[in-house]
Amino acid sequence: MIVNSSLPFPGGTWTLGDTTVTRFGYGAMQLAGPWVMGPPADPVAARAVLRDVVELGITHIDTSDAYGPRVTNELIRETLHPYPESLFIATKVGATRDAEARSVAPIVCVQNMYNLAHRADDALIDELAADGIAYVPFFPLGGFSPLQSEALSRVAGRLGATPMSVALAWLLQRSPNILLIPGTSSAAHLRENIAGAGLALTADDLAELDTIGR
């Protein structure tokens, strides 16, 4: 597989431990079937998306054994193994393994729900940034209830962009330690997400968007 790691990515990179990854990553949850259960409706398309992820230069994939269950992890292995050296795959472990994990390695990343409308972790994100720890928001676009806001729509209209693109761009500009993992089962949507996240939001845009989650 040819990996084009020279492509510019919105937000640049972040170092997790001793591994540098693109701040714009990919969440694999949507590769499973409806409601994250069972195999994808189109396995060929799912594998094509994964190949595109790597070929476009994304070096951070977020997955979980619970997706399917096991479906997305198996798709990733079948499609991408042997893995490029630059690829960082993050999966999940249960609470029973937390103490064991912390005994052998430092915490370099925290994942929780966070987006324009759900900002309970604002203070935590700032604290983590000060400590050099990454924050990965799941449901960056609202998850099963996509983000909807008049303010978001107004900013998107001024920029000639989609509301979802603005929401991703806002996250990247919110703090340098935020790593994105928007998911999609569409290769076209993947490219739209990458392009949209590169929007440059002005101070006025940010101030208007800041009213959404307050």
N, C-alpha and C. Protein backbone atom coordinates (compact mmCIF):
# COMPACT_ATOMS: atom_id res chain seq x y z
N MET A 1 0.84 -1.19 0.00
CA MET A 1 0.00 0.00 0.00
C MET A 1 0.88 1.24 0.00
N ILE A 2 0.55 2.20 -0.87
CA ILE A 2 1.30 3.45 -0.94
C ILE A 2 0.72 4.42 0.07
N VAL A 3 1.55 4.97 0.92
CA VAL A 3 1.11 5.93 1.94
C VAL A 3 1.67 7.30 1.60
N ASN A 4 0.80 8.26 1.35
CA ASN A 4 1.23 9.62 1.04
C ASN A 4 1.20 10.45 2.31
N SER A 5 2.25 10.36 3.10
CA SER A 5 2.29 11.06 4.38
C SER A 5 2.67 12.53 4.23
N SER A 6 2.93 12.98 2.99
CA SER A 6 3.32 14.37 2.79
C SER A 6 2.12 15.29 2.62
N LEU A 7 0.91 14.73 2.50
CA LEU A 7 -0.27 15.56 2.33
C LEU A 7 -0.49 16.43 3.55
N PRO A 8 -0.78 17.74 3.34
CA PRO A 8 -1.07 18.60 4.49
C PRO A 8 -2.40 18.23 5.11
N PHE A 9 -2.47 18.25 6.42
CA PHE A 9 -3.71 17.91 7.10
C PHE A 9 -4.15 19.02 8.02
N PRO A 10 -5.46 19.24 8.11
CA PRO A 10 -5.97 20.28 9.01
C PRO A 10 -5.46 20.05 10.43
N GLY A 11 -4.90 21.08 11.03
CA GLY A 11 -4.46 20.97 12.41
C GLY A 11 -3.06 20.44 12.60
N GLY A 12 -2.45 19.90 11.53
CA GLY A 12 -1.09 19.39 11.66
C GLY A 12 -1.04 18.08 12.43
N THR A 13 -0.06 17.94 13.31
CA THR A 13 0.17 16.67 14.02
C THR A 13 0.25 16.89 15.52
N TRP A 14 0.21 15.76 16.24
CA TRP A 14 0.36 15.75 17.70
C TRP A 14 1.15 14.50 18.05
N THR A 15 1.93 14.58 19.11
CA THR A 15 2.72 13.43 19.52
C THR A 15 2.07 12.72 20.69
N LEU A 16 1.71 11.46 20.48
CA LEU A 16 1.16 10.59 21.52
C LEU A 16 2.29 9.71 22.04
N GLY A 17 2.77 9.99 23.23
CA GLY A 17 3.93 9.24 23.71
C GLY A 17 5.12 9.54 22.83
N ASP A 18 5.59 8.52 22.11
CA ASP A 18 6.70 8.72 21.18
C ASP A 18 6.25 8.58 19.74
N THR A 19 4.93 8.66 19.49
CA THR A 19 4.39 8.50 18.15
C THR A 19 3.70 9.77 17.69
N THR A 20 4.08 10.27 16.54
CA THR A 20 3.45 11.46 15.98
C THR A 20 2.32 11.05 15.05
N VAL A 21 1.14 11.62 15.27
CA VAL A 21 -0.04 11.26 14.48
C VAL A 21 -0.68 12.53 13.92
N THR A 22 -1.46 12.37 12.86
CA THR A 22 -2.23 13.50 12.35
C THR A 22 -3.34 13.83 13.34
N ARG A 23 -3.54 15.11 13.61
CA ARG A 23 -4.63 15.50 14.51
C ARG A 23 -5.98 15.12 13.90
N PHE A 24 -6.06 15.10 12.61
CA PHE A 24 -7.27 14.63 11.95
C PHE A 24 -7.15 13.13 11.77
N GLY A 25 -7.92 12.38 12.55
CA GLY A 25 -7.90 10.93 12.46
C GLY A 25 -9.19 10.39 11.86
N TYR A 26 -9.43 9.13 12.12
CA TYR A 26 -10.63 8.47 11.57
C TYR A 26 -11.22 7.54 12.62
N GLY A 27 -12.53 7.67 12.85
CA GLY A 27 -13.24 6.77 13.76
C GLY A 27 -13.94 5.68 12.98
N ALA A 28 -13.67 4.43 13.32
CA ALA A 28 -14.14 3.30 12.52
C ALA A 28 -15.52 2.78 12.90
N MET A 29 -16.19 3.39 13.87
CA MET A 29 -17.46 2.85 14.36
C MET A 29 -18.49 2.65 13.25
N GLN A 30 -18.58 3.59 12.31
CA GLN A 30 -19.62 3.51 11.29
C GLN A 30 -19.38 2.43 10.25
N LEU A 31 -18.25 1.76 10.32
CA LEU A 31 -18.00 0.66 9.38
C LEU A 31 -18.79 -0.58 9.74
N ALA A 32 -19.26 -0.67 10.97
CA ALA A 32 -20.11 -1.80 11.36
C ALA A 32 -21.51 -1.61 10.78
N GLY A 33 -22.38 -2.57 11.04
CA GLY A 33 -23.75 -2.50 10.53
C GLY A 33 -24.59 -1.48 11.26
N PRO A 34 -25.90 -1.46 10.97
CA PRO A 34 -26.80 -0.49 11.61
C PRO A 34 -26.72 -0.57 13.13
N TRP A 35 -26.71 0.62 13.78
CA TRP A 35 -26.61 0.71 15.23
C TRP A 35 -25.38 -0.01 15.77
N VAL A 36 -24.33 -0.03 14.94
CA VAL A 36 -23.02 -0.55 15.32
C VAL A 36 -23.08 -2.04 15.64
N MET A 37 -23.96 -2.75 14.97
CA MET A 37 -24.10 -4.19 15.18
C MET A 37 -23.97 -4.92 13.85
N GLY A 38 -23.22 -6.01 13.86
CA GLY A 38 -23.10 -6.86 12.69
C GLY A 38 -22.19 -6.28 11.62
N PRO A 39 -22.09 -6.99 10.49
CA PRO A 39 -21.19 -6.57 9.42
C PRO A 39 -21.75 -5.39 8.63
N PRO A 40 -20.90 -4.70 7.88
CA PRO A 40 -21.38 -3.59 7.06
C PRO A 40 -22.26 -4.09 5.92
N ALA A 41 -23.16 -3.24 5.46
CA ALA A 41 -24.02 -3.61 4.34
C ALA A 41 -23.18 -3.84 3.08
N ASP A 42 -22.09 -3.11 2.96
CA ASP A 42 -21.22 -3.22 1.78
C ASP A 42 -19.77 -3.36 2.25
N PRO A 43 -19.32 -4.59 2.49
CA PRO A 43 -17.95 -4.80 2.98
C PRO A 43 -16.89 -4.26 2.02
N VAL A 44 -17.16 -4.33 0.72
CA VAL A 44 -16.19 -3.83 -0.26
C VAL A 44 -15.99 -2.32 -0.09
N ALA A 45 -17.10 -1.60 0.08
CA ALA A 45 -17.02 -0.15 0.28
C ALA A 45 -16.32 0.17 1.60
N ALA A 46 -16.59 -0.63 2.64
CA ALA A 46 -15.96 -0.39 3.94
C ALA A 46 -14.44 -0.54 3.84
N ARG A 47 -13.99 -1.56 3.13
CA ARG A 47 -12.55 -1.75 2.96
C ARG A 47 -11.94 -0.62 2.12
N ALA A 48 -12.72 -0.14 1.14
CA ALA A 48 -12.22 0.96 0.31
C ALA A 48 -12.01 2.22 1.14
N VAL A 49 -12.92 2.48 2.08
CA VAL A 49 -12.77 3.65 2.95
C VAL A 49 -11.50 3.52 3.79
N LEU A 50 -11.26 2.34 4.35
CA LEU A 50 -10.06 2.14 5.16
C LEU A 50 -8.79 2.34 4.34
N ARG A 51 -8.79 1.84 3.12
CA ARG A 51 -7.61 2.05 2.27
C ARG A 51 -7.42 3.54 1.98
N ASP A 52 -8.53 4.23 1.72
CA ASP A 52 -8.44 5.67 1.47
C ASP A 52 -7.88 6.41 2.69
N VAL A 53 -8.33 6.01 3.88
CA VAL A 53 -7.85 6.65 5.11
C VAL A 53 -6.32 6.65 5.14
N VAL A 54 -5.74 5.50 4.89
CA VAL A 54 -4.28 5.38 4.96
C VAL A 54 -3.61 6.05 3.77
N GLU A 55 -4.17 5.85 2.57
CA GLU A 55 -3.55 6.41 1.38
C GLU A 55 -3.61 7.94 1.36
N LEU A 56 -4.61 8.52 2.02
CA LEU A 56 -4.71 9.97 2.10
C LEU A 56 -3.74 10.56 3.13
N GLY A 57 -3.16 9.72 3.95
CA GLY A 57 -2.15 10.20 4.89
C GLY A 57 -2.59 10.27 6.33
N ILE A 58 -3.81 9.85 6.65
CA ILE A 58 -4.26 9.81 8.04
C ILE A 58 -3.48 8.72 8.77
N THR A 59 -2.97 9.05 9.94
CA THR A 59 -2.14 8.08 10.67
C THR A 59 -2.72 7.69 12.02
N HIS A 60 -3.98 8.04 12.28
CA HIS A 60 -4.62 7.74 13.56
C HIS A 60 -6.01 7.17 13.31
N ILE A 61 -6.21 5.90 13.62
CA ILE A 61 -7.51 5.24 13.48
C ILE A 61 -8.00 4.83 14.86
N ASP A 62 -9.23 5.19 15.18
CA ASP A 62 -9.84 4.83 16.46
C ASP A 62 -10.86 3.72 16.22
N THR A 63 -10.79 2.65 17.00
CA THR A 63 -11.69 1.53 16.82
C THR A 63 -12.03 0.92 18.18
N SER A 64 -12.79 -0.15 18.18
CA SER A 64 -13.13 -0.85 19.42
C SER A 64 -13.61 -2.25 19.08
N ASP A 65 -13.28 -3.19 19.96
CA ASP A 65 -13.77 -4.56 19.80
C ASP A 65 -15.28 -4.62 19.96
N ALA A 66 -15.87 -3.59 20.56
CA ALA A 66 -17.33 -3.56 20.76
C ALA A 66 -18.08 -3.22 19.49
N TYR A 67 -17.42 -2.66 18.49
CA TYR A 67 -18.10 -2.28 17.26
C TYR A 67 -18.36 -3.52 16.42
N GLY A 68 -19.58 -3.96 16.41
CA GLY A 68 -19.95 -5.13 15.60
C GLY A 68 -20.64 -6.25 16.35
N PRO A 69 -20.13 -6.82 17.42
CA PRO A 69 -18.78 -6.63 17.98
C PRO A 69 -17.71 -7.29 17.11
N ARG A 70 -16.51 -6.81 17.25
CA ARG A 70 -15.29 -7.30 16.58
C ARG A 70 -15.24 -6.99 15.09
N VAL A 71 -16.35 -6.50 14.52
CA VAL A 71 -16.41 -6.31 13.07
C VAL A 71 -15.36 -5.32 12.58
N THR A 72 -15.30 -4.13 13.19
CA THR A 72 -14.38 -3.13 12.65
C THR A 72 -12.92 -3.53 12.85
N ASN A 73 -12.60 -4.15 13.98
CA ASN A 73 -11.22 -4.58 14.19
C ASN A 73 -10.81 -5.61 13.15
N GLU A 74 -11.73 -6.52 12.83
CA GLU A 74 -11.42 -7.54 11.83
C GLU A 74 -11.29 -6.92 10.44
N LEU A 75 -12.14 -5.94 10.12
CA LEU A 75 -12.03 -5.25 8.84
C LEU A 75 -10.70 -4.53 8.71
N ILE A 76 -10.29 -3.88 9.79
CA ILE A 76 -9.02 -3.16 9.77
C ILE A 76 -7.87 -4.13 9.54
N ARG A 77 -7.88 -5.25 10.26
CA ARG A 77 -6.80 -6.23 10.09
C ARG A 77 -6.79 -6.80 8.68
N GLU A 78 -7.96 -7.20 8.19
CA GLU A 78 -8.05 -7.81 6.86
C GLU A 78 -7.63 -6.84 5.76
N THR A 79 -7.92 -5.56 5.95
CA THR A 79 -7.68 -4.57 4.90
C THR A 79 -6.29 -3.96 4.95
N LEU A 80 -5.79 -3.69 6.14
CA LEU A 80 -4.58 -2.89 6.27
C LEU A 80 -3.34 -3.65 6.71
N HIS A 81 -3.49 -4.84 7.25
CA HIS A 81 -2.32 -5.60 7.70
C HIS A 81 -1.59 -6.19 6.50
N PRO A 82 -0.25 -6.11 6.46
CA PRO A 82 0.66 -5.55 7.47
C PRO A 82 0.56 -4.02 7.51
N TYR A 83 0.54 -3.48 8.72
CA TYR A 83 0.28 -2.06 8.90
C TYR A 83 1.49 -1.20 8.56
N PRO A 84 1.25 -0.04 7.95
CA PRO A 84 2.36 0.91 7.75
C PRO A 84 2.95 1.31 9.10
N GLU A 85 4.24 1.54 9.14
CA GLU A 85 4.88 1.90 10.40
C GLU A 85 4.31 3.19 10.99
N SER A 86 3.81 4.07 10.13
CA SER A 86 3.31 5.36 10.60
C SER A 86 1.90 5.28 11.17
N LEU A 87 1.21 4.14 11.01
CA LEU A 87 -0.19 4.04 11.41
C LEU A 87 -0.33 3.74 12.90
N PHE A 88 -1.15 4.54 13.58
CA PHE A 88 -1.42 4.38 15.01
C PHE A 88 -2.88 3.97 15.16
N ILE A 89 -3.14 2.77 15.69
CA ILE A 89 -4.50 2.27 15.87
C ILE A 89 -4.82 2.25 17.35
N ALA A 90 -5.84 3.00 17.75
CA ALA A 90 -6.26 3.06 19.15
C ALA A 90 -7.53 2.25 19.33
N THR A 91 -7.53 1.35 20.31
CA THR A 91 -8.72 0.57 20.60
C THR A 91 -9.07 0.77 22.07
N LYS A 92 -10.01 0.02 22.60
CA LYS A 92 -10.52 0.25 23.95
C LYS A 92 -10.22 -0.95 24.85
N VAL A 93 -10.08 -0.66 26.15
CA VAL A 93 -9.98 -1.71 27.15
C VAL A 93 -10.95 -1.39 28.27
N GLY A 94 -11.35 -2.40 29.02
CA GLY A 94 -12.29 -2.20 30.11
C GLY A 94 -11.62 -1.63 31.35
N ALA A 95 -12.44 -1.24 32.31
CA ALA A 95 -11.93 -0.62 33.54
C ALA A 95 -11.01 -1.56 34.32
N THR A 96 -11.24 -2.87 34.18
CA THR A 96 -10.42 -3.83 34.93
C THR A 96 -8.97 -3.79 34.48
N ARG A 97 -8.70 -3.25 33.29
CA ARG A 97 -7.33 -3.18 32.80
C ARG A 97 -6.70 -1.82 33.00
N ASP A 98 -7.47 -0.88 33.53
CA ASP A 98 -6.97 0.49 33.65
C ASP A 98 -5.74 0.57 34.55
N ALA A 99 -5.82 -0.03 35.74
CA ALA A 99 -4.69 0.03 36.67
C ALA A 99 -3.46 -0.63 36.07
N GLU A 100 -3.67 -1.76 35.41
CA GLU A 100 -2.55 -2.46 34.78
C GLU A 100 -1.91 -1.58 33.71
N ALA A 101 -2.76 -0.92 32.91
CA ALA A 101 -2.24 -0.07 31.84
C ALA A 101 -1.42 1.08 32.40
N ARG A 102 -1.93 1.71 33.46
CA ARG A 102 -1.23 2.86 34.03
C ARG A 102 0.08 2.46 34.71
N SER A 103 0.19 1.19 35.09
CA SER A 103 1.41 0.74 35.75
C SER A 103 2.56 0.54 34.78
N VAL A 104 2.24 0.42 33.49
CA VAL A 104 3.30 0.16 32.52
C VAL A 104 3.51 1.30 31.53
N ALA A 105 2.59 2.26 31.49
CA ALA A 105 2.73 3.35 30.52
C ALA A 105 2.01 4.60 31.02
N PRO A 106 2.51 5.77 30.67
CA PRO A 106 1.83 7.01 31.07
C PRO A 106 0.58 7.23 30.23
N ILE A 107 -0.35 8.00 30.76
CA ILE A 107 -1.55 8.36 30.01
C ILE A 107 -1.18 9.47 29.03
N VAL A 108 -1.44 9.23 27.75
CA VAL A 108 -1.12 10.23 26.73
C VAL A 108 -2.36 10.76 26.04
N CYS A 109 -3.53 10.18 26.37
CA CYS A 109 -4.74 10.56 25.66
C CYS A 109 -5.96 10.26 26.51
N VAL A 110 -6.94 11.16 26.47
CA VAL A 110 -8.22 10.97 27.15
C VAL A 110 -9.32 11.11 26.10
N GLN A 111 -10.30 10.21 26.15
CA GLN A 111 -11.41 10.27 25.19
C GLN A 111 -12.73 10.42 25.93
N ASN A 112 -13.55 11.34 25.47
CA ASN A 112 -14.86 11.57 26.07
C ASN A 112 -15.74 12.27 25.05
N MET A 113 -17.05 12.36 25.36
CA MET A 113 -17.97 13.05 24.46
C MET A 113 -17.76 14.55 24.55
N TYR A 114 -17.60 15.18 23.39
CA TYR A 114 -17.39 16.63 23.37
C TYR A 114 -17.64 17.13 21.96
N ASN A 115 -18.38 18.21 21.85
CA ASN A 115 -18.61 18.88 20.58
C ASN A 115 -19.15 20.28 20.86
N LEU A 116 -19.52 21.00 19.85
CA LEU A 116 -19.99 22.38 20.02
C LEU A 116 -21.13 22.50 21.02
N ALA A 117 -21.99 21.50 21.06
CA ALA A 117 -23.18 21.58 21.92
C ALA A 117 -23.00 20.90 23.27
N HIS A 118 -21.95 20.09 23.43
CA HIS A 118 -21.71 19.36 24.68
C HIS A 118 -20.29 19.67 25.15
N ARG A 119 -20.17 20.63 26.08
CA ARG A 119 -18.86 21.16 26.43
C ARG A 119 -18.53 21.03 27.92
N ALA A 120 -19.00 19.96 28.52
CA ALA A 120 -18.73 19.75 29.94
C ALA A 120 -17.24 19.61 30.24
N ASP A 121 -16.47 19.22 29.24
CA ASP A 121 -15.04 18.97 29.45
C ASP A 121 -14.16 20.17 29.09
N ASP A 122 -14.72 21.35 28.97
CA ASP A 122 -13.91 22.52 28.60
C ASP A 122 -12.69 22.69 29.52
N ALA A 123 -12.92 22.68 30.82
CA ALA A 123 -11.82 22.88 31.76
C ALA A 123 -10.81 21.73 31.69
N LEU A 124 -11.32 20.50 31.55
CA LEU A 124 -10.44 19.33 31.46
C LEU A 124 -9.54 19.43 30.24
N ILE A 125 -10.09 19.85 29.11
CA ILE A 125 -9.29 19.97 27.89
C ILE A 125 -8.13 20.93 28.10
N ASP A 126 -8.41 22.05 28.75
CA ASP A 126 -7.35 23.03 29.00
C ASP A 126 -6.29 22.48 29.95
N GLU A 127 -6.72 21.74 30.96
CA GLU A 127 -5.76 21.14 31.90
C GLU A 127 -4.88 20.10 31.20
N LEU A 128 -5.51 19.28 30.37
CA LEU A 128 -4.75 18.27 29.64
C LEU A 128 -3.76 18.91 28.68
N ALA A 129 -4.18 19.98 28.01
CA ALA A 129 -3.28 20.67 27.08
C ALA A 129 -2.05 21.18 27.82
N ALA A 130 -2.25 21.71 29.02
CA ALA A 130 -1.13 22.22 29.81
C ALA A 130 -0.17 21.11 30.20
N ASP A 131 -0.69 19.88 30.33
CA ASP A 131 0.13 18.73 30.70
C ASP A 131 0.64 17.95 29.50
N GLY A 132 0.31 18.41 28.29
CA GLY A 132 0.77 17.73 27.08
C GLY A 132 0.03 16.44 26.79
N ILE A 133 -1.21 16.33 27.27
CA ILE A 133 -2.01 15.12 27.06
C ILE A 133 -3.10 15.41 26.03
N ALA A 134 -3.27 14.52 25.08
CA ALA A 134 -4.26 14.70 24.02
C ALA A 134 -5.67 14.44 24.52
N TYR A 135 -6.63 15.06 23.85
CA TYR A 135 -8.05 14.85 24.14
C TYR A 135 -8.73 14.48 22.83
N VAL A 136 -9.42 13.34 22.82
CA VAL A 136 -10.10 12.86 21.62
C VAL A 136 -11.60 12.87 21.85
N PRO A 137 -12.33 13.79 21.24
CA PRO A 137 -13.78 13.84 21.44
C PRO A 137 -14.50 12.82 20.57
N PHE A 138 -15.29 11.95 21.23
CA PHE A 138 -16.15 11.11 20.40
C PHE A 138 -17.47 11.85 20.18
N PHE A 139 -18.18 11.45 19.13
CA PHE A 139 -19.37 12.16 18.66
C PHE A 139 -19.05 13.64 18.40
N PRO A 140 -17.97 13.93 17.65
CA PRO A 140 -17.61 15.32 17.38
C PRO A 140 -18.66 16.07 16.57
N LEU A 141 -19.52 15.32 15.88
CA LEU A 141 -20.59 15.93 15.09
C LEU A 141 -21.96 15.64 15.68
N GLY A 142 -21.99 15.16 16.92
CA GLY A 142 -23.26 14.91 17.58
C GLY A 142 -23.67 13.46 17.66
N GLY A 143 -22.98 12.58 16.95
CA GLY A 143 -23.30 11.15 17.02
C GLY A 143 -24.64 10.83 16.39
N PHE A 144 -25.47 10.10 17.13
CA PHE A 144 -26.76 9.67 16.60
C PHE A 144 -27.76 10.83 16.51
N SER A 145 -27.43 11.98 17.11
CA SER A 145 -28.25 13.19 17.02
C SER A 145 -27.38 14.31 16.47
N PRO A 146 -27.25 14.40 15.14
CA PRO A 146 -26.35 15.38 14.53
C PRO A 146 -26.60 16.80 15.02
N LEU A 147 -25.52 17.55 15.12
CA LEU A 147 -25.59 18.92 15.62
C LEU A 147 -26.52 19.78 14.77
N GLN A 148 -27.36 20.55 15.43
CA GLN A 148 -28.23 21.51 14.76
C GLN A 148 -28.25 22.79 15.57
N SER A 149 -27.98 23.92 14.92
CA SER A 149 -27.95 25.19 15.62
C SER A 149 -28.06 26.32 14.60
N GLU A 150 -28.84 27.34 14.93
CA GLU A 150 -28.95 28.49 14.05
C GLU A 150 -27.61 29.20 13.92
N ALA A 151 -26.89 29.31 15.02
CA ALA A 151 -25.57 29.96 14.97
C ALA A 151 -24.62 29.18 14.07
N LEU A 152 -24.63 27.87 14.19
CA LEU A 152 -23.77 27.02 13.36
C LEU A 152 -24.13 27.20 11.89
N SER A 153 -25.41 27.22 11.58
CA SER A 153 -25.86 27.39 10.20
C SER A 153 -25.48 28.77 9.65
N ARG A 154 -25.57 29.80 10.49
CA ARG A 154 -25.20 31.14 10.03
C ARG A 154 -23.72 31.23 9.67
N VAL A 155 -22.88 30.69 10.55
CA VAL A 155 -21.44 30.72 10.28
C VAL A 155 -21.13 29.92 9.02
N ALA A 156 -21.74 28.76 8.89
CA ALA A 156 -21.52 27.93 7.71
C ALA A 156 -21.95 28.66 6.44
N GLY A 157 -23.07 29.37 6.51
CA GLY A 157 -23.55 30.13 5.36
C GLY A 157 -22.58 31.21 4.94
N ARG A 158 -22.01 31.91 5.91
CA ARG A 158 -21.04 32.97 5.59
C ARG A 158 -19.79 32.40 4.92
N LEU A 159 -19.41 31.20 5.32
CA LEU A 159 -18.19 30.59 4.81
C LEU A 159 -18.42 29.75 3.56
N GLY A 160 -19.69 29.56 3.19
CA GLY A 160 -19.99 28.70 2.06
C GLY A 160 -19.63 27.25 2.33
N ALA A 161 -19.81 26.84 3.57
CA ALA A 161 -19.44 25.49 4.00
C ALA A 161 -20.65 24.80 4.62
N THR A 162 -20.49 23.52 4.92
CA THR A 162 -21.56 22.80 5.61
C THR A 162 -21.42 23.01 7.11
N PRO A 163 -22.52 22.92 7.86
CA PRO A 163 -22.43 23.04 9.31
C PRO A 163 -21.47 22.02 9.93
N MET A 164 -21.44 20.80 9.38
CA MET A 164 -20.56 19.78 9.94
C MET A 164 -19.08 20.13 9.73
N SER A 165 -18.77 20.75 8.58
CA SER A 165 -17.40 21.18 8.34
C SER A 165 -16.98 22.23 9.35
N VAL A 166 -17.88 23.16 9.63
CA VAL A 166 -17.59 24.21 10.60
C VAL A 166 -17.37 23.60 11.99
N ALA A 167 -18.19 22.61 12.34
CA ALA A 167 -18.07 21.97 13.65
C ALA A 167 -16.71 21.28 13.82
N LEU A 168 -16.22 20.65 12.75
CA LEU A 168 -14.90 20.01 12.81
C LEU A 168 -13.79 21.05 12.90
N ALA A 169 -13.91 22.11 12.09
CA ALA A 169 -12.91 23.16 12.12
C ALA A 169 -12.84 23.82 13.50
N TRP A 170 -14.01 24.00 14.12
CA TRP A 170 -14.04 24.60 15.45
C TRP A 170 -13.28 23.75 16.46
N LEU A 171 -13.45 22.44 16.39
CA LEU A 171 -12.75 21.56 17.32
C LEU A 171 -11.23 21.67 17.16
N LEU A 172 -10.75 21.71 15.92
CA LEU A 172 -9.31 21.83 15.70
C LEU A 172 -8.78 23.16 16.21
N GLN A 173 -9.59 24.21 16.12
CA GLN A 173 -9.14 25.52 16.59
C GLN A 173 -9.40 25.72 18.09
N ARG A 174 -10.21 24.85 18.68
CA ARG A 174 -10.53 24.97 20.10
C ARG A 174 -9.29 24.80 20.97
N SER A 175 -8.46 23.80 20.66
CA SER A 175 -7.25 23.56 21.44
C SER A 175 -6.31 22.67 20.64
N PRO A 176 -5.00 22.91 20.71
CA PRO A 176 -4.06 22.13 19.90
C PRO A 176 -3.96 20.67 20.31
N ASN A 177 -4.45 20.31 21.50
CA ASN A 177 -4.36 18.91 21.93
C ASN A 177 -5.58 18.09 21.54
N ILE A 178 -6.55 18.69 20.84
CA ILE A 178 -7.72 17.93 20.40
C ILE A 178 -7.40 17.17 19.12
N LEU A 179 -7.66 15.88 19.14
CA LEU A 179 -7.48 15.01 17.98
C LEU A 179 -8.86 14.58 17.50
N LEU A 180 -9.12 14.73 16.21
CA LEU A 180 -10.44 14.40 15.67
C LEU A 180 -10.51 12.96 15.18
N ILE A 181 -11.66 12.33 15.40
CA ILE A 181 -11.89 10.98 14.87
C ILE A 181 -13.29 10.89 14.25
N PRO A 182 -13.65 11.81 13.33
CA PRO A 182 -14.97 11.70 12.71
C PRO A 182 -15.06 10.41 11.91
N GLY A 183 -16.20 9.76 11.99
CA GLY A 183 -16.38 8.49 11.29
C GLY A 183 -17.28 8.63 10.09
N THR A 184 -17.11 7.77 9.13
CA THR A 184 -17.97 7.72 7.96
C THR A 184 -17.76 6.38 7.27
N SER A 185 -18.77 5.95 6.55
CA SER A 185 -18.65 4.74 5.73
C SER A 185 -18.57 5.10 4.26
N SER A 186 -18.40 6.40 3.96
CA SER A 186 -18.37 6.90 2.59
C SER A 186 -17.02 7.52 2.28
N ALA A 187 -16.41 7.09 1.18
CA ALA A 187 -15.13 7.65 0.77
C ALA A 187 -15.27 9.13 0.42
N ALA A 188 -16.38 9.50 -0.22
CA ALA A 188 -16.60 10.90 -0.58
C ALA A 188 -16.76 11.76 0.67
N HIS A 189 -17.48 11.24 1.65
CA HIS A 189 -17.69 11.98 2.90
C HIS A 189 -16.37 12.13 3.65
N LEU A 190 -15.52 11.13 3.58
CA LEU A 190 -14.21 11.21 4.22
C LEU A 190 -13.43 12.41 3.69
N ARG A 191 -13.42 12.57 2.37
CA ARG A 191 -12.71 13.70 1.77
C ARG A 191 -13.36 15.03 2.13
N GLU A 192 -14.68 15.05 2.19
CA GLU A 192 -15.38 16.27 2.59
C GLU A 192 -15.01 16.67 4.02
N ASN A 193 -14.92 15.68 4.89
CA ASN A 193 -14.54 15.96 6.28
C ASN A 193 -13.15 16.57 6.37
N ILE A 194 -12.22 16.00 5.62
CA ILE A 194 -10.84 16.49 5.65
C ILE A 194 -10.78 17.93 5.14
N ALA A 195 -11.43 18.18 4.01
CA ALA A 195 -11.41 19.52 3.43
C ALA A 195 -12.11 20.52 4.34
N GLY A 196 -13.24 20.12 4.89
CA GLY A 196 -14.01 21.03 5.73
C GLY A 196 -13.31 21.41 7.01
N ALA A 197 -12.57 20.47 7.58
CA ALA A 197 -11.90 20.74 8.85
C ALA A 197 -10.80 21.78 8.70
N GLY A 198 -10.39 22.06 7.46
CA GLY A 198 -9.35 23.04 7.23
C GLY A 198 -9.85 24.47 7.13
N LEU A 199 -11.14 24.69 7.35
CA LEU A 199 -11.68 26.04 7.30
C LEU A 199 -10.99 26.94 8.33
N ALA A 200 -10.75 28.18 7.95
CA ALA A 200 -10.17 29.15 8.88
C ALA A 200 -11.30 29.98 9.48
N LEU A 201 -11.57 29.78 10.75
CA LEU A 201 -12.64 30.51 11.43
C LEU A 201 -12.09 31.81 12.01
N THR A 202 -12.82 32.90 11.80
CA THR A 202 -12.39 34.20 12.32
C THR A 202 -12.77 34.33 13.79
N ALA A 203 -12.28 35.38 14.41
CA ALA A 203 -12.63 35.64 15.82
C ALA A 203 -14.14 35.83 15.97
N ASP A 204 -14.77 36.48 14.99
CA ASP A 204 -16.22 36.67 15.05
C ASP A 204 -16.95 35.33 14.91
N ASP A 205 -16.44 34.48 14.01
CA ASP A 205 -17.04 33.14 13.86
C ASP A 205 -16.96 32.38 15.17
N LEU A 206 -15.78 32.38 15.78
CA LEU A 206 -15.57 31.64 17.02
C LEU A 206 -16.45 32.17 18.14
N ALA A 207 -16.60 33.49 18.20
CA ALA A 207 -17.43 34.08 19.25
C ALA A 207 -18.89 33.67 19.09
N GLU A 208 -19.36 33.63 17.84
CA GLU A 208 -20.75 33.22 17.61
C GLU A 208 -20.94 31.74 17.92
N LEU A 209 -19.99 30.92 17.51
CA LEU A 209 -20.09 29.49 17.79
C LEU A 209 -19.98 29.20 19.28
N ASP A 210 -19.26 30.04 19.98
CA ASP A 210 -19.06 29.84 21.41
C ASP A 210 -20.36 29.96 22.20
N THR A 211 -21.37 30.56 21.61
CA THR A 211 -22.66 30.71 22.31
C THR A 211 -23.46 29.42 22.30
N ILE A 212 -23.10 28.47 21.44
CA ILE A 212 -23.93 27.27 21.27
C ILE A 212 -23.93 26.39 22.51
N GLY A 213 -22.76 26.12 23.05
CA GLY A 213 -22.68 25.19 24.17
C GLY A 213 -22.71 25.85 25.52
N ARG A 214 -23.09 27.10 25.59
CA ARG A 214 -23.07 27.82 26.87
C ARG A 214 -24.47 27.88 27.49
